[in-house]
Amino acid sequence: VRLWELRSRDLISHLKEHVGRVNSVVISEDDTHCFSASRDRCALRWSLRHEKRTFCHMQRMGGLNCIILSKDESHLLTCGQERCLTFWNVSQENSVHRVELDGDNDEAFALAKSPDGSLLATGGSAGILRLFSYESGKCLAVKTGHSRPIRALAFSPDARQVISTGEDRAIFIWNIFKD
């Protein structure tokens, strides 16, 4: 994990401990911590002030492809080869909650949370978009449209749409209707 100063474009720090490819990185709002997810099955928390690893969350099987922070930054969410959406407390070693992604062969490549933190979206190798409630972990919708894997997801600022893009070179805009 390399950290760069945006204005000067200088390398500030090089944080090395993963033994596999790093697939996703997220930085806390106050810029004090960085979280990284890797194919080595680990999600690491880094202190940016001390430039060292402060915590390791390790999954039993399969590498991690995505990592996001909850709105209050008390939990991490990861997904990857294990075909689960995994919730972690940032200060506990073991996962708090796991939600199986339906489908035998759908490795999650993309994960996004809505701006208000109430919804999660996943997309992966099967080209299927899944929408979840953050609070309950319940799957709210399963949508197909992509003909190849989904690689990136984002919510609109008002959380009324999810945008997905994939290896099929398509961009989908999905409308979300809440009660």
C-alpha atoms as a PDB file:
ATOM      1  CA  VAL A   1       0.000   0.000   0.000  1.00  0.00           C
ATOM      2  CA  ARG A   2       1.518   3.302  -1.064  1.00  0.00           C
ATOM      3  CA  LEU A   3       0.334   6.692   0.182  1.00  0.00           C
ATOM      4  CA  TRP A   4       0.867   9.812  -1.898  1.00  0.00           C
ATOM      5  CA  GLU A   5       0.594  13.531  -1.164  1.00  0.00           C
ATOM      6  CA  LEU A   6      -1.977  14.848  -3.639  1.00  0.00           C
ATOM      7  CA  ARG A   7      -0.561  18.340  -4.094  1.00  0.00           C
ATOM      8  CA  SER A   8       3.129  17.514  -4.442  1.00  0.00           C
ATOM      9  CA  ARG A   9       2.568  13.988  -5.785  1.00  0.00           C
ATOM     10  CA  ASP A  10       5.323  12.748  -3.479  1.00  0.00           C
ATOM     11  CA  LEU A  11       5.347   9.259  -1.987  1.00  0.00           C
ATOM     12  CA  ILE A  12       4.649   9.654   1.740  1.00  0.00           C
ATOM     13  CA  SER A  13       4.661   6.061   2.929  1.00  0.00           C
ATOM     14  CA  HIS A  14       5.037   2.508   1.692  1.00  0.00           C
ATOM     15  CA  LEU A  15       3.139   0.031   3.887  1.00  0.00           C
ATOM     16  CA  LYS A  16       4.148  -3.520   3.102  1.00  0.00           C
ATOM     17  CA  GLU A  17       2.804  -6.626   4.782  1.00  0.00           C
ATOM     18  CA  HIS A  18       0.341  -8.267   2.400  1.00  0.00           C
ATOM     19  CA  VAL A  19       1.702 -11.333   0.645  1.00  0.00           C
ATOM     20  CA  GLY A  20      -0.910 -11.247  -2.114  1.00  0.00           C
ATOM     21  CA  ARG A  21      -2.249  -8.651  -4.522  1.00  0.00           C
ATOM     22  CA  VAL A  22      -4.001  -5.696  -2.826  1.00  0.00           C
ATOM     23  CA  ASN A  23      -7.410  -5.265  -4.458  1.00  0.00           C
ATOM     24  CA  SER A  24      -9.087  -2.518  -2.466  1.00  0.00           C
ATOM     25  CA  VAL A  25      -8.161   0.327  -0.123  1.00  0.00           C
ATOM     26  CA  VAL A  26     -10.258   2.757   1.933  1.00  0.00           C
ATOM     27  CA  ILE A  27      -9.136   5.647   4.155  1.00  0.00           C
ATOM     28  CA  SER A  28     -10.989   6.866   7.248  1.00  0.00           C
ATOM     29  CA  GLU A  29     -12.660  10.295   7.143  1.00  0.00           C
ATOM     30  CA  ASP A  30     -10.095  11.789   9.528  1.00  0.00           C
ATOM     31  CA  ASP A  31      -7.153  10.376   7.518  1.00  0.00           C
ATOM     32  CA  THR A  32      -5.731   8.510  10.534  1.00  0.00           C
ATOM     33  CA  HIS A  33      -6.314   4.942   9.331  1.00  0.00           C
ATOM     34  CA  CYS A  34      -6.190   3.037   6.085  1.00  0.00           C
ATOM     35  CA  PHE A  35      -7.805  -0.357   5.478  1.00  0.00           C
ATOM     36  CA  SER A  36      -6.645  -2.704   2.721  1.00  0.00           C
ATOM     37  CA  ALA A  37      -8.056  -5.955   1.323  1.00  0.00           C
ATOM     38  CA  SER A  38      -5.924  -8.533  -0.436  1.00  0.00           C
ATOM     39  CA  ARG A  39      -5.967 -11.891  -2.177  1.00  0.00           C
ATOM     40  CA  ASP A  40      -3.957 -13.171   0.821  1.00  0.00           C
ATOM     41  CA  ARG A  41      -7.343 -13.412   2.707  1.00  0.00           C
ATOM     42  CA  CYS A  42      -6.490 -10.468   4.977  1.00  0.00           C
ATOM     43  CA  ALA A  43      -8.025  -7.082   5.650  1.00  0.00           C
ATOM     44  CA  LEU A  44      -5.425  -4.939   7.388  1.00  0.00           C
ATOM     45  CA  ARG A  45      -5.867  -1.722   9.376  1.00  0.00           C
ATOM     46  CA  TRP A  46      -2.928   0.656   9.113  1.00  0.00           C
ATOM     47  CA  SER A  47      -2.120   3.614  11.361  1.00  0.00           C
ATOM     48  CA  LEU A  48      -1.161   6.413   8.993  1.00  0.00           C
ATOM     49  CA  ARG A  49       0.441   8.405  11.815  1.00  0.00           C
ATOM     50  CA  HIS A  50       2.710   5.564  12.906  1.00  0.00           C
ATOM     51  CA  GLU A  51       3.027   3.978   9.446  1.00  0.00           C
ATOM     52  CA  LYS A  52       2.422   0.424  10.657  1.00  0.00           C
ATOM     53  CA  ARG A  53      -0.237  -2.273  10.720  1.00  0.00           C
ATOM     54  CA  THR A  54      -2.448  -2.108  13.803  1.00  0.00           C
ATOM     55  CA  PHE A  55      -4.936  -4.915  13.149  1.00  0.00           C
ATOM     56  CA  CYS A  56      -5.497  -7.941  10.936  1.00  0.00           C
ATOM     57  CA  HIS A  57      -8.816  -9.545   9.995  1.00  0.00           C
ATOM     58  CA  MET A  58      -8.298 -12.916   8.304  1.00  0.00           C
ATOM     59  CA  GLN A  59     -10.879 -14.866   6.366  1.00  0.00           C
ATOM     60  CA  ARG A  60     -10.787 -18.674   6.457  1.00  0.00           C
ATOM     61  CA  MET A  61     -10.870 -19.259   2.714  1.00  0.00           C
ATOM     62  CA  GLY A  62     -10.537 -17.193  -0.414  1.00  0.00           C
ATOM     63  CA  GLY A  63      -9.037 -13.814  -1.116  1.00  0.00           C
ATOM     64  CA  LEU A  64     -10.713 -10.461  -0.611  1.00  0.00           C
ATOM     65  CA  ASN A  65     -11.663  -8.270  -3.565  1.00  0.00           C
ATOM     66  CA  CYS A  66     -13.446  -5.309  -1.917  1.00  0.00           C
ATOM     67  CA  ILE A  67     -13.487  -3.416   1.344  1.00  0.00           C
ATOM     68  CA  ILE A  68     -15.639  -0.532   2.572  1.00  0.00           C
ATOM     69  CA  LEU A  69     -16.147   1.228   5.899  1.00  0.00           C
ATOM     70  CA  SER A  70     -19.523   1.655   7.561  1.00  0.00           C
ATOM     71  CA  LYS A  71     -20.870   5.182   7.838  1.00  0.00           C
ATOM     72  CA  ASP A  72     -19.794   5.455  11.502  1.00  0.00           C
ATOM     73  CA  GLU A  73     -16.459   3.711  10.716  1.00  0.00           C
ATOM     74  CA  SER A  74     -17.005   1.063  13.388  1.00  0.00           C
ATOM     75  CA  HIS A  75     -17.338  -1.809  10.917  1.00  0.00           C
ATOM     76  CA  LEU A  76     -15.620  -3.057   7.777  1.00  0.00           C
ATOM     77  CA  LEU A  77     -17.411  -4.938   5.055  1.00  0.00           C
ATOM     78  CA  THR A  78     -15.550  -7.250   2.720  1.00  0.00           C
ATOM     79  CA  CYS A  79     -16.398  -9.580  -0.136  1.00  0.00           C
ATOM     80  CA  GLY A  80     -14.440 -11.814  -2.455  1.00  0.00           C
ATOM     81  CA  GLN A  81     -13.701 -15.391  -3.349  1.00  0.00           C
ATOM     82  CA  GLU A  82     -15.549 -16.816  -0.349  1.00  0.00           C
ATOM     83  CA  ARG A  83     -18.823 -15.662  -1.996  1.00  0.00           C
ATOM     84  CA  CYS A  84     -19.982 -13.914   1.193  1.00  0.00           C
ATOM     85  CA  LEU A  85     -20.562 -10.390   2.346  1.00  0.00           C
ATOM     86  CA  THR A  86     -18.647 -10.273   5.630  1.00  0.00           C
ATOM     87  CA  PHE A  87     -19.134  -7.704   8.414  1.00  0.00           C
ATOM     88  CA  TRP A  88     -16.186  -7.061  10.774  1.00  0.00           C
ATOM     89  CA  ASN A  89     -15.944  -4.887  13.875  1.00  0.00           C
ATOM     90  CA  VAL A  90     -12.765  -2.842  13.276  1.00  0.00           C
ATOM     91  CA  SER A  91     -11.376  -3.861  16.683  1.00  0.00           C
ATOM     92  CA  GLN A  92     -12.346  -7.558  16.768  1.00  0.00           C
ATOM     93  CA  GLU A  93     -10.467 -10.368  15.091  1.00  0.00           C
ATOM     94  CA  ASN A  94     -13.419 -12.535  14.055  1.00  0.00           C
ATOM     95  CA  SER A  95     -16.227 -11.549  11.733  1.00  0.00           C
ATOM     96  CA  VAL A  96     -19.438 -10.286  13.308  1.00  0.00           C
ATOM     97  CA  HIS A  97     -21.849 -11.374  10.585  1.00  0.00           C
ATOM     98  CA  ARG A  98     -21.734 -13.114   7.207  1.00  0.00           C
ATOM     99  CA  VAL A  99     -24.291 -13.072   4.428  1.00  0.00           C
ATOM    100  CA  GLU A 100     -24.019 -15.755   1.773  1.00  0.00           C
ATOM    101  CA  LEU A 101     -24.343 -14.462  -1.778  1.00  0.00           C
ATOM    102  CA  ASP A 102     -26.925 -16.592  -3.528  1.00  0.00           C
ATOM    103  CA  GLY A 103     -25.475 -18.508  -6.423  1.00  0.00           C
ATOM    104  CA  ASP A 104     -22.927 -21.259  -6.584  1.00  0.00           C
ATOM    105  CA  ASN A 105     -20.376 -19.475  -8.680  1.00  0.00           C
ATOM    106  CA  ASP A 106     -20.587 -15.721  -8.036  1.00  0.00           C
ATOM    107  CA  GLU A 107     -17.337 -14.272  -6.744  1.00  0.00           C
ATOM    108  CA  ALA A 108     -17.960 -10.677  -5.642  1.00  0.00           C
ATOM    109  CA  PHE A 109     -15.693  -8.136  -7.378  1.00  0.00           C
ATOM    110  CA  ALA A 110     -17.485  -4.899  -6.450  1.00  0.00           C
ATOM    111  CA  LEU A 111     -19.066  -3.529  -3.288  1.00  0.00           C
ATOM    112  CA  ALA A 112     -20.665  -0.133  -2.605  1.00  0.00           C
ATOM    113  CA  LYS A 113     -22.688   1.515   0.156  1.00  0.00           C
ATOM    114  CA  SER A 114     -25.328   4.181  -0.225  1.00  0.00           C
ATOM    115  CA  PRO A 115     -24.478   7.712   0.979  1.00  0.00           C
ATOM    116  CA  ASP A 116     -26.809   7.354   3.968  1.00  0.00           C
ATOM    117  CA  GLY A 117     -25.294   3.947   4.826  1.00  0.00           C
ATOM    118  CA  SER A 118     -28.612   2.066   4.692  1.00  0.00           C
ATOM    119  CA  LEU A 119     -28.013   0.019   1.516  1.00  0.00           C
ATOM    120  CA  LEU A 120     -25.232  -2.147   0.123  1.00  0.00           C
ATOM    121  CA  ALA A 121     -24.742  -3.354  -3.429  1.00  0.00           C
ATOM    122  CA  THR A 122     -22.554  -6.211  -4.669  1.00  0.00           C
ATOM    123  CA  GLY A 123     -21.626  -7.338  -8.155  1.00  0.00           C
ATOM    124  CA  GLY A 124     -19.372 -10.068  -9.386  1.00  0.00           C
ATOM    125  CA  SER A 125     -18.381 -12.825 -11.734  1.00  0.00           C
ATOM    126  CA  ALA A 126     -21.959 -13.850 -12.621  1.00  0.00           C
ATOM    127  CA  GLY A 127     -22.858 -10.308 -13.731  1.00  0.00           C
ATOM    128  CA  ILE A 128     -25.587 -10.125 -11.074  1.00  0.00           C
ATOM    129  CA  LEU A 129     -26.320  -7.017  -9.006  1.00  0.00           C
ATOM    130  CA  ARG A 130     -27.502  -7.662  -5.447  1.00  0.00           C
ATOM    131  CA  LEU A 131     -28.950  -5.010  -3.160  1.00  0.00           C
ATOM    132  CA  PHE A 132     -28.861  -5.524   0.634  1.00  0.00           C
ATOM    133  CA  SER A 133     -30.149  -3.759   3.725  1.00  0.00           C
ATOM    134  CA  TYR A 134     -27.138  -2.734   5.807  1.00  0.00           C
ATOM    135  CA  GLU A 135     -28.980  -3.149   9.124  1.00  0.00           C
ATOM    136  CA  SER A 136     -30.456  -6.617   8.587  1.00  0.00           C
ATOM    137  CA  GLY A 137     -28.118  -8.011   5.922  1.00  0.00           C
ATOM    138  CA  LYS A 138     -31.259  -9.115   4.067  1.00  0.00           C
ATOM    139  CA  CYS A 139     -31.089  -9.300   0.280  1.00  0.00           C
ATOM    140  CA  LEU A 140     -33.631  -6.819  -1.085  1.00  0.00           C
ATOM    141  CA  ALA A 141     -33.159  -7.351  -4.824  1.00  0.00           C
ATOM    142  CA  VAL A 142     -31.289  -9.508  -7.325  1.00  0.00           C
ATOM    143  CA  LYS A 143     -30.968  -8.066 -10.828  1.00  0.00           C
ATOM    144  CA  THR A 144     -29.424  -9.400 -14.018  1.00  0.00           C
ATOM    145  CA  GLY A 145     -28.418  -7.482 -17.110  1.00  0.00           C
ATOM    146  CA  HIS A 146     -24.663  -7.689 -17.537  1.00  0.00           C
ATOM    147  CA  SER A 147     -23.377 -10.445 -19.798  1.00  0.00           C
ATOM    148  CA  ARG A 148     -19.923 -10.511 -18.161  1.00  0.00           C
ATOM    149  CA  PRO A 149     -18.604  -9.853 -14.618  1.00  0.00           C
ATOM    150  CA  ILE A 150     -19.432  -6.587 -12.844  1.00  0.00           C
ATOM    151  CA  ARG A 151     -16.250  -4.747 -11.882  1.00  0.00           C
ATOM    152  CA  ALA A 152     -17.418  -1.460 -10.319  1.00  0.00           C
ATOM    153  CA  LEU A 153     -20.463  -0.086  -8.496  1.00  0.00           C
ATOM    154  CA  ALA A 154     -21.496   3.332  -7.199  1.00  0.00           C
ATOM    155  CA  PHE A 155     -24.612   4.851  -5.674  1.00  0.00           C
ATOM    156  CA  SER A 156     -25.996   8.177  -6.865  1.00  0.00           C
ATOM    157  CA  PRO A 157     -25.763  10.978  -4.252  1.00  0.00           C
ATOM    158  CA  ASP A 158     -29.491  10.668  -3.477  1.00  0.00           C
ATOM    159  CA  ALA A 159     -29.248   6.830  -3.203  1.00  0.00           C
ATOM    160  CA  ARG A 160     -32.055   6.401  -5.752  1.00  0.00           C
ATOM    161  CA  GLN A 161     -29.819   4.703  -8.328  1.00  0.00           C
ATOM    162  CA  VAL A 162     -26.935   2.249  -8.503  1.00  0.00           C
ATOM    163  CA  ILE A 163     -24.521   2.464 -11.409  1.00  0.00           C
ATOM    164  CA  SER A 164     -22.705  -0.700 -12.479  1.00  0.00           C
ATOM    165  CA  THR A 165     -20.064  -1.347 -15.090  1.00  0.00           C
ATOM    166  CA  GLY A 166     -18.464  -4.560 -16.158  1.00  0.00           C
ATOM    167  CA  GLU A 167     -16.281  -6.502 -18.505  1.00  0.00           C
ATOM    168  CA  ASP A 168     -19.077  -6.422 -21.092  1.00  0.00           C
ATOM    169  CA  ARG A 169     -18.246  -2.706 -21.584  1.00  0.00           C
ATOM    170  CA  ALA A 170     -21.768  -1.785 -20.490  1.00  0.00           C
ATOM    171  CA  ILE A 171     -22.859   0.794 -17.951  1.00  0.00           C
ATOM    172  CA  PHE A 172     -26.175   0.102 -16.249  1.00  0.00           C
ATOM    173  CA  ILE A 173     -28.169   2.585 -14.191  1.00  0.00           C
ATOM    174  CA  TRP A 174     -30.508   0.770 -11.821  1.00  0.00           C
ATOM    175  CA  ASN A 175     -33.417   2.635 -10.204  1.00  0.00           C
ATOM    176  CA  ILE A 176     -34.041   1.948  -6.524  1.00  0.00           C
ATOM    177  CA  PHE A 177     -37.514   2.363  -5.091  1.00  0.00           C
ATOM    178  CA  LYS A 178     -37.752   2.540  -1.296  1.00  0.00           C
ATOM    179  CA  ASP A 179     -40.925   2.329   0.776  1.00  0.00           C
END
